[in-house]
Amino acid sequence: MIRVKRGNVALKRRKRYLRLAKGYVGSNSRLSIFATEQVVQSLQFAYIGRKLKKRNFRKLWIYRINAVSRKLKIHYSALIGSLLKENILLDRKILSFLAFHDLPVFTALAQTCALS
C-alpha cells in the first residue's frame, strides 16, 4: 500500500485559523483546535458588539438631550414630540451634538418647539 500524505486543504484551513488567532492568550493562539473555537467565538462577539455599540450610543445621545432639555424646563418626550409635530427632522445624534457643543442653537430650537 502506498503512503498517503495529507494534503494542502486541511493545512491551509489550520493555518488560516492560527493566523486569525494571532495575539490570543496561551493555547488559543497555538493549537489549531482551540484557535478554531476561539476565532469562531471572537467573530460572534464582534458581531454582537457592533449591534450593542449602536444601542449604547443611542442611549448616550438620549441622556445628553434629556439632561440639557431638563435644564430648559422641557421634558425629553415633549421636546421630541414637538420636533416631530413641527416637522423638524433632526435625529438624536445631531440633537445630542447641538446640546453638548452648541448650546445656544439647541436652546433656540427647544424654545421654538416649546412655543408651538
PDB file of N, CA and C in Angstrom:
ATOM      1  N   MET A   1       0.830  -1.178   0.000  1.00  0.00           N
ATOM      2  CA  MET A   1       0.000   0.000   0.000  1.00  0.00           C
ATOM      3  C   MET A   1       0.880   1.249   0.000  1.00  0.00           C
ATOM      4  N   ILE A   2       0.492   2.215  -0.794  1.00  0.00           N
ATOM      5  CA  ILE A   2       1.291   3.434  -0.847  1.00  0.00           C
ATOM      6  C   ILE A   2       0.928   4.351   0.298  1.00  0.00           C
ATOM      7  N   ARG A   3       1.873   5.170   0.641  1.00  0.00           N
ATOM      8  CA  ARG A   3       1.667   6.103   1.748  1.00  0.00           C
ATOM      9  C   ARG A   3       0.963   7.353   1.228  1.00  0.00           C
ATOM     10  N   VAL A   4      -0.082   7.773   1.964  1.00  0.00           N
ATOM     11  CA  VAL A   4      -0.826   8.970   1.578  1.00  0.00           C
ATOM     12  C   VAL A   4      -0.399  10.128   2.477  1.00  0.00           C
ATOM     13  N   LYS A   5       0.054  11.179   1.844  1.00  0.00           N
ATOM     14  CA  LYS A   5       0.398  12.375   2.612  1.00  0.00           C
ATOM     15  C   LYS A   5      -0.824  13.267   2.659  1.00  0.00           C
ATOM     16  N   ARG A   6      -1.165  13.709   3.853  1.00  0.00           N
ATOM     17  CA  ARG A   6      -2.325  14.588   3.984  1.00  0.00           C
ATOM     18  C   ARG A   6      -2.039  15.898   3.271  1.00  0.00           C
ATOM     19  N   GLY A   7      -3.036  16.358   2.561  1.00  0.00           N
ATOM     20  CA  GLY A   7      -2.795  17.412   1.603  1.00  0.00           C
ATOM     21  C   GLY A   7      -2.869  18.819   2.133  1.00  0.00           C
ATOM     22  N   ASN A   8      -3.004  19.711   1.199  1.00  0.00           N
ATOM     23  CA  ASN A   8      -2.883  21.134   1.475  1.00  0.00           C
ATOM     24  C   ASN A   8      -4.134  21.726   2.115  1.00  0.00           C
ATOM     25  N   VAL A   9      -5.295  21.125   1.850  1.00  0.00           N
ATOM     26  CA  VAL A   9      -6.555  21.762   2.253  1.00  0.00           C
ATOM     27  C   VAL A   9      -6.651  21.891   3.765  1.00  0.00           C
ATOM     28  N   ALA A  10      -6.417  20.790   4.487  1.00  0.00           N
ATOM     29  CA  ALA A  10      -6.510  20.823   5.945  1.00  0.00           C
ATOM     30  C   ALA A  10      -5.443  21.740   6.531  1.00  0.00           C
ATOM     31  N   LEU A  11      -4.251  21.680   5.951  1.00  0.00           N
ATOM     32  CA  LEU A  11      -3.156  22.518   6.446  1.00  0.00           C
ATOM     33  C   LEU A  11      -3.474  23.998   6.230  1.00  0.00           C
ATOM     34  N   LYS A  12      -4.035  24.327   5.059  1.00  0.00           N
ATOM     35  CA  LYS A  12      -4.396  25.720   4.789  1.00  0.00           C
ATOM     36  C   LYS A  12      -5.474  26.210   5.751  1.00  0.00           C
ATOM     37  N   ARG A  13      -6.440  25.331   6.050  1.00  0.00           N
ATOM     38  CA  ARG A  13      -7.513  25.712   6.971  1.00  0.00           C
ATOM     39  C   ARG A  13      -6.941  25.991   8.356  1.00  0.00           C
ATOM     40  N   ARG A  14      -6.067  25.093   8.822  1.00  0.00           N
ATOM     41  CA  ARG A  14      -5.476  25.294  10.158  1.00  0.00           C
ATOM     42  C   ARG A  14      -4.648  26.566  10.212  1.00  0.00           C
ATOM     43  N   LYS A  15      -3.861  26.792   9.168  1.00  0.00           N
ATOM     44  CA  LYS A  15      -3.029  27.995   9.133  1.00  0.00           C
ATOM     45  C   LYS A  15      -3.889  29.258   9.136  1.00  0.00           C
ATOM     46  N   ARG A  16      -5.028  29.207   8.433  1.00  0.00           N
ATOM     47  CA  ARG A  16      -5.910  30.365   8.379  1.00  0.00           C
ATOM     48  C   ARG A  16      -6.442  30.700   9.774  1.00  0.00           C
ATOM     49  N   TYR A  17      -6.881  29.674  10.503  1.00  0.00           N
ATOM     50  CA  TYR A  17      -7.393  29.917  11.858  1.00  0.00           C
ATOM     51  C   TYR A  17      -6.277  30.368  12.799  1.00  0.00           C
ATOM     52  N   LEU A  18      -5.095  29.789  12.656  1.00  0.00           N
ATOM     53  CA  LEU A  18      -3.979  30.211  13.518  1.00  0.00           C
ATOM     54  C   LEU A  18      -3.571  31.654  13.214  1.00  0.00           C
ATOM     55  N   ARG A  19      -3.673  32.039  11.951  1.00  0.00           N
ATOM     56  CA  ARG A  19      -3.351  33.421  11.593  1.00  0.00           C
ATOM     57  C   ARG A  19      -4.391  34.389  12.179  1.00  0.00           C
ATOM     58  N   LEU A  20      -5.662  33.987  12.158  1.00  0.00           N
ATOM     59  CA  LEU A  20      -6.700  34.832  12.747  1.00  0.00           C
ATOM     60  C   LEU A  20      -6.593  34.900  14.266  1.00  0.00           C
ATOM     61  N   ALA A  21      -6.045  33.833  14.871  1.00  0.00           N
ATOM     62  CA  ALA A  21      -5.957  33.762  16.331  1.00  0.00           C
ATOM     63  C   ALA A  21      -4.667  34.358  16.869  1.00  0.00           C
ATOM     64  N   LYS A  22      -3.924  35.013  16.024  1.00  0.00           N
ATOM     65  CA  LYS A  22      -2.666  35.596  16.452  1.00  0.00           C
ATOM     66  C   LYS A  22      -2.913  36.653  17.529  1.00  0.00           C
ATOM     67  N   GLY A  23      -2.187  36.570  18.628  1.00  0.00           N
ATOM     68  CA  GLY A  23      -2.349  37.526  19.707  1.00  0.00           C
ATOM     69  C   GLY A  23      -3.239  37.034  20.828  1.00  0.00           C
ATOM     70  N   TYR A  24      -3.908  35.901  20.641  1.00  0.00           N
ATOM     71  CA  TYR A  24      -4.721  35.339  21.711  1.00  0.00           C
ATOM     72  C   TYR A  24      -3.811  34.708  22.756  1.00  0.00           C
ATOM     73  N   VAL A  25      -4.326  34.517  23.960  1.00  0.00           N
ATOM     74  CA  VAL A  25      -3.516  34.057  25.078  1.00  0.00           C
ATOM     75  C   VAL A  25      -3.411  32.532  25.092  1.00  0.00           C
ATOM     76  N   GLY A  26      -2.197  32.040  25.323  1.00  0.00           N
ATOM     77  CA  GLY A  26      -1.977  30.610  25.573  1.00  0.00           C
ATOM     78  C   GLY A  26      -2.292  29.725  24.388  1.00  0.00           C
ATOM     79  N   SER A  27      -2.972  28.608  24.680  1.00  0.00           N
ATOM     80  CA  SER A  27      -3.273  27.603  23.665  1.00  0.00           C
ATOM     81  C   SER A  27      -4.178  28.140  22.571  1.00  0.00           C
ATOM     82  N   ASN A  28      -4.925  29.171  22.871  1.00  0.00           N
ATOM     83  CA  ASN A  28      -5.853  29.707  21.883  1.00  0.00           C
ATOM     84  C   ASN A  28      -5.149  30.268  20.658  1.00  0.00           C
ATOM     85  N   SER A  29      -3.869  30.554  20.761  1.00  0.00           N
ATOM     86  CA  SER A  29      -3.147  31.052  19.602  1.00  0.00           C
ATOM     87  C   SER A  29      -2.173  30.027  19.040  1.00  0.00           C
ATOM     88  N   ARG A  30      -2.016  28.880  19.716  1.00  0.00           N
ATOM     89  CA  ARG A  30      -1.004  27.907  19.293  1.00  0.00           C
ATOM     90  C   ARG A  30      -1.572  26.586  18.791  1.00  0.00           C
ATOM     91  N   LEU A  31      -2.651  26.105  19.372  1.00  0.00           N
ATOM     92  CA  LEU A  31      -3.229  24.816  18.991  1.00  0.00           C
ATOM     93  C   LEU A  31      -4.425  25.050  18.077  1.00  0.00           C
ATOM     94  N   SER A  32      -4.448  24.323  16.971  1.00  0.00           N
ATOM     95  CA  SER A  32      -5.452  24.622  15.945  1.00  0.00           C
ATOM     96  C   SER A  32      -6.881  24.384  16.420  1.00  0.00           C
ATOM     97  N   ILE A  33      -7.119  23.376  17.246  1.00  0.00           N
ATOM     98  CA  ILE A  33      -8.479  23.094  17.725  1.00  0.00           C
ATOM     99  C   ILE A  33      -8.977  24.247  18.585  1.00  0.00           C
ATOM    100  N   PHE A  34      -8.156  24.671  19.533  1.00  0.00           N
ATOM    101  CA  PHE A  34      -8.549  25.782  20.404  1.00  0.00           C
ATOM    102  C   PHE A  34      -8.644  27.093  19.627  1.00  0.00           C
ATOM    103  N   ALA A  35      -7.709  27.280  18.691  1.00  0.00           N
ATOM    104  CA  ALA A  35      -7.716  28.510  17.898  1.00  0.00           C
ATOM    105  C   ALA A  35      -8.994  28.603  17.069  1.00  0.00           C
ATOM    106  N   THR A  36      -9.427  27.477  16.506  1.00  0.00           N
ATOM    107  CA  THR A  36     -10.651  27.458  15.707  1.00  0.00           C
ATOM    108  C   THR A  36     -11.848  27.866  16.545  1.00  0.00           C
ATOM    109  N   GLU A  37     -11.978  27.257  17.721  1.00  0.00           N
ATOM    110  CA  GLU A  37     -13.097  27.589  18.609  1.00  0.00           C
ATOM    111  C   GLU A  37     -13.057  29.057  19.022  1.00  0.00           C
ATOM    112  N   GLN A  38     -11.871  29.530  19.351  1.00  0.00           N
ATOM    113  CA  GLN A  38     -11.737  30.904  19.831  1.00  0.00           C
ATOM    114  C   GLN A  38     -12.029  31.918  18.735  1.00  0.00           C
ATOM    115  N   VAL A  39     -11.592  31.614  17.514  1.00  0.00           N
ATOM    116  CA  VAL A  39     -11.845  32.527  16.398  1.00  0.00           C
ATOM    117  C   VAL A  39     -13.336  32.614  16.115  1.00  0.00           C
ATOM    118  N   VAL A  40     -14.027  31.468  16.120  1.00  0.00           N
ATOM    119  CA  VAL A  40     -15.473  31.465  15.883  1.00  0.00           C
ATOM    120  C   VAL A  40     -16.180  32.275  16.959  1.00  0.00           C
ATOM    121  N   GLN A  41     -15.793  32.059  18.211  1.00  0.00           N
ATOM    122  CA  GLN A  41     -16.409  32.778  19.317  1.00  0.00           C
ATOM    123  C   GLN A  41     -16.102  34.276  19.238  1.00  0.00           C
ATOM    124  N   SER A  42     -14.866  34.605  18.888  1.00  0.00           N
ATOM    125  CA  SER A  42     -14.473  36.016  18.807  1.00  0.00           C
ATOM    126  C   SER A  42     -15.228  36.739  17.708  1.00  0.00           C
ATOM    127  N   LEU A  43     -15.406  36.088  16.574  1.00  0.00           N
ATOM    128  CA  LEU A  43     -16.158  36.706  15.488  1.00  0.00           C
ATOM    129  C   LEU A  43     -17.618  36.916  15.883  1.00  0.00           C
ATOM    130  N   GLN A  44     -18.171  35.974  16.637  1.00  0.00           N
ATOM    131  CA  GLN A  44     -19.546  36.118  17.109  1.00  0.00           C
ATOM    132  C   GLN A  44     -19.671  37.292  18.079  1.00  0.00           C
ATOM    133  N   PHE A  45     -18.703  37.403  19.003  1.00  0.00           N
ATOM    134  CA  PHE A  45     -18.714  38.518  19.945  1.00  0.00           C
ATOM    135  C   PHE A  45     -18.546  39.856  19.222  1.00  0.00           C
ATOM    136  N   ALA A  46     -17.709  39.872  18.172  1.00  0.00           N
ATOM    137  CA  ALA A  46     -17.509  41.103  17.413  1.00  0.00           C
ATOM    138  C   ALA A  46     -18.807  41.529  16.737  1.00  0.00           C
ATOM    139  N   TYR A  47     -19.545  40.563  16.209  1.00  0.00           N
ATOM    140  CA  TYR A  47     -20.822  40.861  15.557  1.00  0.00           C
ATOM    141  C   TYR A  47     -21.807  41.427  16.577  1.00  0.00           C
ATOM    142  N   ILE A  48     -21.896  40.787  17.731  1.00  0.00           N
ATOM    143  CA  ILE A  48     -22.801  41.249  18.787  1.00  0.00           C
ATOM    144  C   ILE A  48     -22.380  42.648  19.261  1.00  0.00           C
ATOM    145  N   GLY A  49     -21.059  42.853  19.385  1.00  0.00           N
ATOM    146  CA  GLY A  49     -20.545  44.134  19.846  1.00  0.00           C
ATOM    147  C   GLY A  49     -20.897  45.285  18.924  1.00  0.00           C
ATOM    148  N   ARG A  50     -20.923  45.010  17.623  1.00  0.00           N
ATOM    149  CA  ARG A  50     -21.286  46.069  16.680  1.00  0.00           C
ATOM    150  C   ARG A  50     -22.738  46.481  16.863  1.00  0.00           C
ATOM    151  N   LYS A  51     -23.599  45.532  17.192  1.00  0.00           N
ATOM    152  CA  LYS A  51     -25.005  45.857  17.442  1.00  0.00           C
ATOM    153  C   LYS A  51     -25.155  46.613  18.763  1.00  0.00           C
ATOM    154  N   LEU A  52     -24.426  46.185  19.788  1.00  0.00           N
ATOM    155  CA  LEU A  52     -24.503  46.838  21.099  1.00  0.00           C
ATOM    156  C   LEU A  52     -23.973  48.267  21.051  1.00  0.00           C
ATOM    157  N   LYS A  53     -22.973  48.495  20.214  1.00  0.00           N
ATOM    158  CA  LYS A  53     -22.388  49.832  20.096  1.00  0.00           C
ATOM    159  C   LYS A  53     -23.441  50.837  19.632  1.00  0.00           C
ATOM    160  N   LYS A  54     -24.234  50.446  18.635  1.00  0.00           N
ATOM    161  CA  LYS A  54     -25.295  51.320  18.148  1.00  0.00           C
ATOM    162  C   LYS A  54     -26.303  51.614  19.246  1.00  0.00           C
ATOM    163  N   ARG A  55     -26.661  50.566  19.998  1.00  0.00           N
ATOM    164  CA  ARG A  55     -27.638  50.707  21.076  1.00  0.00           C
ATOM    165  C   ARG A  55     -27.121  51.644  22.159  1.00  0.00           C
ATOM    166  N   ASN A  56     -25.851  51.474  22.534  1.00  0.00           N
ATOM    167  CA  ASN A  56     -25.271  52.283  23.612  1.00  0.00           C
ATOM    168  C   ASN A  56     -25.124  53.746  23.215  1.00  0.00           C
ATOM    169  N   PHE A  57     -24.767  53.999  21.956  1.00  0.00           N
ATOM    170  CA  PHE A  57     -24.634  55.385  21.523  1.00  0.00           C
ATOM    171  C   PHE A  57     -25.980  56.088  21.491  1.00  0.00           C
ATOM    172  N   ARG A  58     -27.017  55.376  21.034  1.00  0.00           N
ATOM    173  CA  ARG A  58     -28.344  55.992  21.026  1.00  0.00           C
ATOM    174  C   ARG A  58     -28.774  56.345  22.448  1.00  0.00           C
ATOM    175  N   LYS A  59     -28.468  55.452  23.400  1.00  0.00           N
ATOM    176  CA  LYS A  59     -28.793  55.707  24.806  1.00  0.00           C
ATOM    177  C   LYS A  59     -28.047  56.941  25.320  1.00  0.00           C
ATOM    178  N   LEU A  60     -26.770  57.061  24.951  1.00  0.00           N
ATOM    179  CA  LEU A  60     -25.966  58.209  25.360  1.00  0.00           C
ATOM    180  C   LEU A  60     -26.528  59.511  24.802  1.00  0.00           C
ATOM    181  N   TRP A  61     -26.923  59.482  23.526  1.00  0.00           N
ATOM    182  CA  TRP A  61     -27.491  60.683  22.914  1.00  0.00           C
ATOM    183  C   TRP A  61     -28.768  61.103  23.627  1.00  0.00           C
ATOM    184  N   ILE A  62     -29.598  60.136  23.969  1.00  0.00           N
ATOM    185  CA  ILE A  62     -30.851  60.446  24.663  1.00  0.00           C
ATOM    186  C   ILE A  62     -30.566  61.038  26.042  1.00  0.00           C
ATOM    187  N   TYR A  63     -29.575  60.485  26.757  1.00  0.00           N
ATOM    188  CA  TYR A  63     -29.198  61.034  28.061  1.00  0.00           C
ATOM    189  C   TYR A  63     -28.777  62.492  27.937  1.00  0.00           C
ATOM    190  N   ARG A  64     -27.966  62.793  26.943  1.00  0.00           N
ATOM    191  CA  ARG A  64     -27.468  64.158  26.770  1.00  0.00           C
ATOM    192  C   ARG A  64     -28.595  65.129  26.441  1.00  0.00           C
ATOM    193  N   ILE A  65     -29.461  64.736  25.517  1.00  0.00           N
ATOM    194  CA  ILE A  65     -30.580  65.603  25.141  1.00  0.00           C
ATOM    195  C   ILE A  65     -31.486  65.831  26.341  1.00  0.00           C
ATOM    196  N   ASN A  66     -31.762  64.775  27.077  1.00  0.00           N
ATOM    197  CA  ASN A  66     -32.649  64.856  28.229  1.00  0.00           C
ATOM    198  C   ASN A  66     -32.060  65.778  29.299  1.00  0.00           C
ATOM    199  N   ALA A  67     -30.757  65.656  29.559  1.00  0.00           N
ATOM    200  CA  ALA A  67     -30.127  66.476  30.597  1.00  0.00           C
ATOM    201  C   ALA A  67     -30.227  67.961  30.265  1.00  0.00           C
ATOM    202  N   VAL A  68     -29.944  68.302  29.030  1.00  0.00           N
ATOM    203  CA  VAL A  68     -29.967  69.714  28.653  1.00  0.00           C
ATOM    204  C   VAL A  68     -31.401  70.228  28.568  1.00  0.00           C
ATOM    205  N   SER A  69     -32.307  69.404  28.062  1.00  0.00           N
ATOM    206  CA  SER A  69     -33.696  69.866  27.946  1.00  0.00           C
ATOM    207  C   SER A  69     -34.347  70.021  29.318  1.00  0.00           C
ATOM    208  N   ARG A  70     -33.940  69.222  30.282  1.00  0.00           N
ATOM    209  CA  ARG A  70     -34.468  69.389  31.652  1.00  0.00           C
ATOM    210  C   ARG A  70     -34.037  70.723  32.243  1.00  0.00           C
ATOM    211  N   LYS A  71     -32.806  71.139  31.921  1.00  0.00           N
ATOM    212  CA  LYS A  71     -32.353  72.450  32.400  1.00  0.00           C
ATOM    213  C   LYS A  71     -33.189  73.576  31.798  1.00  0.00           C
ATOM    214  N   LEU A  72     -33.701  73.335  30.601  1.00  0.00           N
ATOM    215  CA  LEU A  72     -34.547  74.327  29.930  1.00  0.00           C
ATOM    216  C   LEU A  72     -36.019  74.152  30.293  1.00  0.00           C
ATOM    217  N   LYS A  73     -36.294  73.288  31.283  1.00  0.00           N
ATOM    218  CA  LYS A  73     -37.655  73.043  31.789  1.00  0.00           C
ATOM    219  C   LYS A  73     -38.565  72.398  30.736  1.00  0.00           C
ATOM    220  N   ILE A  74     -37.976  71.586  29.874  1.00  0.00           N
ATOM    221  CA  ILE A  74     -38.747  70.851  28.873  1.00  0.00           C
ATOM    222  C   ILE A  74     -38.420  69.370  29.033  1.00  0.00           C
ATOM    223  N   HIS A  75     -39.434  68.521  29.064  1.00  0.00           N
ATOM    224  CA  HIS A  75     -39.191  67.088  29.142  1.00  0.00           C
ATOM    225  C   HIS A  75     -38.720  66.570  27.790  1.00  0.00           C
ATOM    226  N   TYR A  76     -37.932  65.507  27.851  1.00  0.00           N
ATOM    227  CA  TYR A  76     -37.373  64.929  26.631  1.00  0.00           C
ATOM    228  C   TYR A  76     -38.479  64.507  25.664  1.00  0.00           C
ATOM    229  N   SER A  77     -39.475  63.805  26.180  1.00  0.00           N
ATOM    230  CA  SER A  77     -40.533  63.300  25.304  1.00  0.00           C
ATOM    231  C   SER A  77     -41.319  64.445  24.664  1.00  0.00           C
ATOM    232  N   ALA A  78     -41.547  65.506  25.433  1.00  0.00           N
ATOM    233  CA  ALA A  78     -42.258  66.668  24.889  1.00  0.00           C
ATOM    234  C   ALA A  78     -41.423  67.340  23.802  1.00  0.00           C
ATOM    235  N   LEU A  79     -40.112  67.418  24.027  1.00  0.00           N
ATOM    236  CA  LEU A  79     -39.224  68.029  23.036  1.00  0.00           C
ATOM    237  C   LEU A  79     -39.245  67.247  21.735  1.00  0.00           C
ATOM    238  N   ILE A  80     -39.072  65.929  21.828  1.00  0.00           N
ATOM    239  CA  ILE A  80     -39.045  65.092  20.633  1.00  0.00           C
ATOM    240  C   ILE A  80     -40.410  65.133  19.929  1.00  0.00           C
ATOM    241  N   GLY A  81     -41.472  65.082  20.718  1.00  0.00           N
ATOM    242  CA  GLY A  81     -42.809  65.137  20.129  1.00  0.00           C
ATOM    243  C   GLY A  81     -43.069  66.433  19.398  1.00  0.00           C
ATOM    244  N   SER A  82     -42.658  67.553  19.996  1.00  0.00           N
ATOM    245  CA  SER A  82     -42.890  68.846  19.345  1.00  0.00           C
ATOM    246  C   SER A  82     -41.997  69.019  18.117  1.00  0.00           C
ATOM    247  N   LEU A  83     -40.787  68.437  18.149  1.00  0.00           N
ATOM    248  CA  LEU A  83     -39.933  68.491  16.963  1.00  0.00           C
ATOM    249  C   LEU A  83     -40.578  67.741  15.805  1.00  0.00           C
ATOM    250  N   LEU A  84     -41.166  66.581  16.099  1.00  0.00           N
ATOM    251  CA  LEU A  84     -41.834  65.816  15.050  1.00  0.00           C
ATOM    252  C   LEU A  84     -43.068  66.551  14.547  1.00  0.00           C
ATOM    253  N   LYS A  85     -43.792  67.200  15.460  1.00  0.00           N
ATOM    254  CA  LYS A  85     -45.004  67.926  15.085  1.00  0.00           C
ATOM    255  C   LYS A  85     -44.660  69.122  14.192  1.00  0.00           C
ATOM    256  N   GLU A  86     -43.536  69.783  14.502  1.00  0.00           N
ATOM    257  CA  GLU A  86     -43.085  70.921  13.701  1.00  0.00           C
ATOM    258  C   GLU A  86     -42.383  70.484  12.418  1.00  0.00           C
ATOM    259  N   ASN A  87     -42.259  69.188  12.233  1.00  0.00           N
ATOM    260  CA  ASN A  87     -41.613  68.601  11.054  1.00  0.00           C
ATOM    261  C   ASN A  87     -40.138  68.990  10.957  1.00  0.00           C
ATOM    262  N   ILE A  88     -39.468  69.058  12.113  1.00  0.00           N
ATOM    263  CA  ILE A  88     -38.031  69.292  12.176  1.00  0.00           C
ATOM    264  C   ILE A  88     -37.377  67.917  12.276  1.00  0.00           C
ATOM    265  N   LEU A  89     -36.731  67.502  11.206  1.00  0.00           N
ATOM    266  CA  LEU A  89     -36.225  66.134  11.105  1.00  0.00           C
ATOM    267  C   LEU A  89     -34.735  66.065  11.471  1.00  0.00           C
ATOM    268  N   LEU A  90     -34.452  66.279  12.735  1.00  0.00           N
ATOM    269  CA  LEU A  90     -33.099  66.108  13.253  1.00  0.00           C
ATOM    270  C   LEU A  90     -33.077  64.835  14.084  1.00  0.00           C
ATOM    271  N   ASP A  91     -32.089  63.992  13.827  1.00  0.00           N
ATOM    272  CA  ASP A  91     -32.028  62.763  14.610  1.00  0.00           C
ATOM    273  C   ASP A  91     -31.362  63.024  15.957  1.00  0.00           C
ATOM    274  N   ARG A  92     -31.370  62.019  16.802  1.00  0.00           N
ATOM    275  CA  ARG A  92     -30.872  62.175  18.165  1.00  0.00           C
ATOM    276  C   ARG A  92     -29.371  62.438  18.213  1.00  0.00           C
ATOM    277  N   LYS A  93     -28.644  61.925  17.242  1.00  0.00           N
ATOM    278  CA  LYS A  93     -27.201  62.169  17.200  1.00  0.00           C
ATOM    279  C   LYS A  93     -26.914  63.656  17.005  1.00  0.00           C
ATOM    280  N   ILE A  94     -27.612  64.280  16.074  1.00  0.00           N
ATOM    281  CA  ILE A  94     -27.407  65.704  15.800  1.00  0.00           C
ATOM    282  C   ILE A  94     -27.888  66.544  16.982  1.00  0.00           C
ATOM    283  N   LEU A  95     -29.045  66.197  17.526  1.00  0.00           N
ATOM    284  CA  LEU A  95     -29.559  66.936  18.687  1.00  0.00           C
ATOM    285  C   LEU A  95     -28.590  66.859  19.862  1.00  0.00           C
ATOM    286  N   SER A  96     -28.016  65.668  20.061  1.00  0.00           N
ATOM    287  CA  SER A  96     -27.049  65.499  21.139  1.00  0.00           C
ATOM    288  C   SER A  96     -25.809  66.358  20.905  1.00  0.00           C
ATOM    289  N   PHE A  97     -25.349  66.384  19.659  1.00  0.00           N
ATOM    290  CA  PHE A  97     -24.191  67.209  19.335  1.00  0.00           C
ATOM    291  C   PHE A  97     -24.481  68.676  19.611  1.00  0.00           C
ATOM    292  N   LEU A  98     -25.665  69.139  19.212  1.00  0.00           N
ATOM    293  CA  LEU A  98     -26.039  70.529  19.459  1.00  0.00           C
ATOM    294  C   LEU A  98     -26.137  70.814  20.959  1.00  0.00           C
ATOM    295  N   ALA A  99     -26.727  69.884  21.699  1.00  0.00           N
ATOM    296  CA  ALA A  99     -26.878  70.087  23.139  1.00  0.00           C
ATOM    297  C   ALA A  99     -25.532  70.118  23.848  1.00  0.00           C
ATOM    298  N   PHE A 100     -24.581  69.343  23.341  1.00  0.00           N
ATOM    299  CA  PHE A 100     -23.290  69.191  24.013  1.00  0.00           C
ATOM    300  C   PHE A 100     -22.289  70.269  23.597  1.00  0.00           C
ATOM    301  N   HIS A 101     -22.334  70.678  22.310  1.00  0.00           N
ATOM    302  CA  HIS A 101     -21.307  71.583  21.799  1.00  0.00           C
ATOM    303  C   HIS A 101     -21.815  72.979  21.443  1.00  0.00           C
ATOM    304  N   ASP A 102     -23.097  73.098  21.119  1.00  0.00           N
ATOM    305  CA  ASP A 102     -23.614  74.384  20.662  1.00  0.00           C
ATOM    306  C   ASP A 102     -24.931  74.670  21.377  1.00  0.00           C
ATOM    307  N   LEU A 103     -24.823  75.027  22.639  1.00  0.00           N
ATOM    308  CA  LEU A 103     -26.000  75.202  23.496  1.00  0.00           C
ATOM    309  C   LEU A 103     -26.950  76.310  23.031  1.00  0.00           C
ATOM    310  N   PRO A 104     -26.484  77.455  22.539  1.00  0.00           N
ATOM    311  CA  PRO A 104     -27.434  78.486  22.097  1.00  0.00           C
ATOM    312  C   PRO A 104     -28.356  78.021  20.964  1.00  0.00           C
ATOM    313  N   VAL A 105     -27.806  77.243  20.039  1.00  0.00           N
ATOM    314  CA  VAL A 105     -28.624  76.745  18.931  1.00  0.00           C
ATOM    315  C   VAL A 105     -29.664  75.761  19.456  1.00  0.00           C
ATOM    316  N   PHE A 106     -29.228  74.869  20.360  1.00  0.00           N
ATOM    317  CA  PHE A 106     -30.164  73.901  20.929  1.00  0.00           C
ATOM    318  C   PHE A 106     -31.254  74.615  21.727  1.00  0.00           C
ATOM    319  N   THR A 107     -30.879  75.651  22.460  1.00  0.00           N
ATOM    320  CA  THR A 107     -31.853  76.416  23.235  1.00  0.00           C
ATOM    321  C   THR A 107     -32.872  77.085  22.323  1.00  0.00           C
ATOM    322  N   ALA A 108     -32.403  77.679  21.235  1.00  0.00           N
ATOM    323  CA  ALA A 108     -33.310  78.316  20.281  1.00  0.00           C
ATOM    324  C   ALA A 108     -34.252  77.288  19.664  1.00  0.00           C
ATOM    325  N   LEU A 109     -33.724  76.122  19.359  1.00  0.00           N
ATOM    326  CA  LEU A 109     -34.542  75.052  18.798  1.00  0.00           C
ATOM    327  C   LEU A 109     -35.603  74.591  19.793  1.00  0.00           C
ATOM    328  N   ALA A 110     -35.186  74.439  21.049  1.00  0.00           N
ATOM    329  CA  ALA A 110     -36.123  73.999  22.082  1.00  0.00           C
ATOM    330  C   ALA A 110     -37.191  75.052  22.351  1.00  0.00           C
ATOM    331  N   GLN A 111     -36.801  76.321  22.363  1.00  0.00           N
ATOM    332  CA  GLN A 111     -37.774  77.387  22.583  1.00  0.00           C
ATOM    333  C   GLN A 111     -38.776  77.485  21.431  1.00  0.00           C
ATOM    334  N   THR A 112     -38.301  77.271  20.215  1.00  0.00           N
ATOM    335  CA  THR A 112     -39.193  77.281  19.059  1.00  0.00           C
ATOM    336  C   THR A 112     -40.248  76.202  19.180  1.00  0.00           C
ATOM    337  N   CYS A 113     -39.810  75.023  19.632  1.00  0.00           N
ATOM    338  CA  CYS A 113     -40.744  73.914  19.783  1.00  0.00           C
ATOM    339  C   CYS A 113     -41.666  74.135  20.981  1.00  0.00           C
ATOM    340  N   ALA A 114     -41.162  74.773  22.027  1.00  0.00           N
ATOM    341  CA  ALA A 114     -41.969  74.987  23.220  1.00  0.00           C
ATOM    342  C   ALA A 114     -43.098  76.008  22.969  1.00  0.00           C
ATOM    343  N   LEU A 115     -42.840  76.957  22.085  1.00  0.00           N
ATOM    344  CA  LEU A 115     -43.844  77.976  21.773  1.00  0.00           C
ATOM    345  C   LEU A 115     -45.034  77.421  21.005  1.00  0.00           C
ATOM    346  N   SER A 116     -44.775  76.394  20.210  1.00  0.00           N
ATOM    347  CA  SER A 116     -45.865  75.856  19.389  1.00  0.00           C
ATOM    348  C   SER A 116     -46.758  74.912  20.154  1.00  0.00           C
TER     349      SER A 116
END
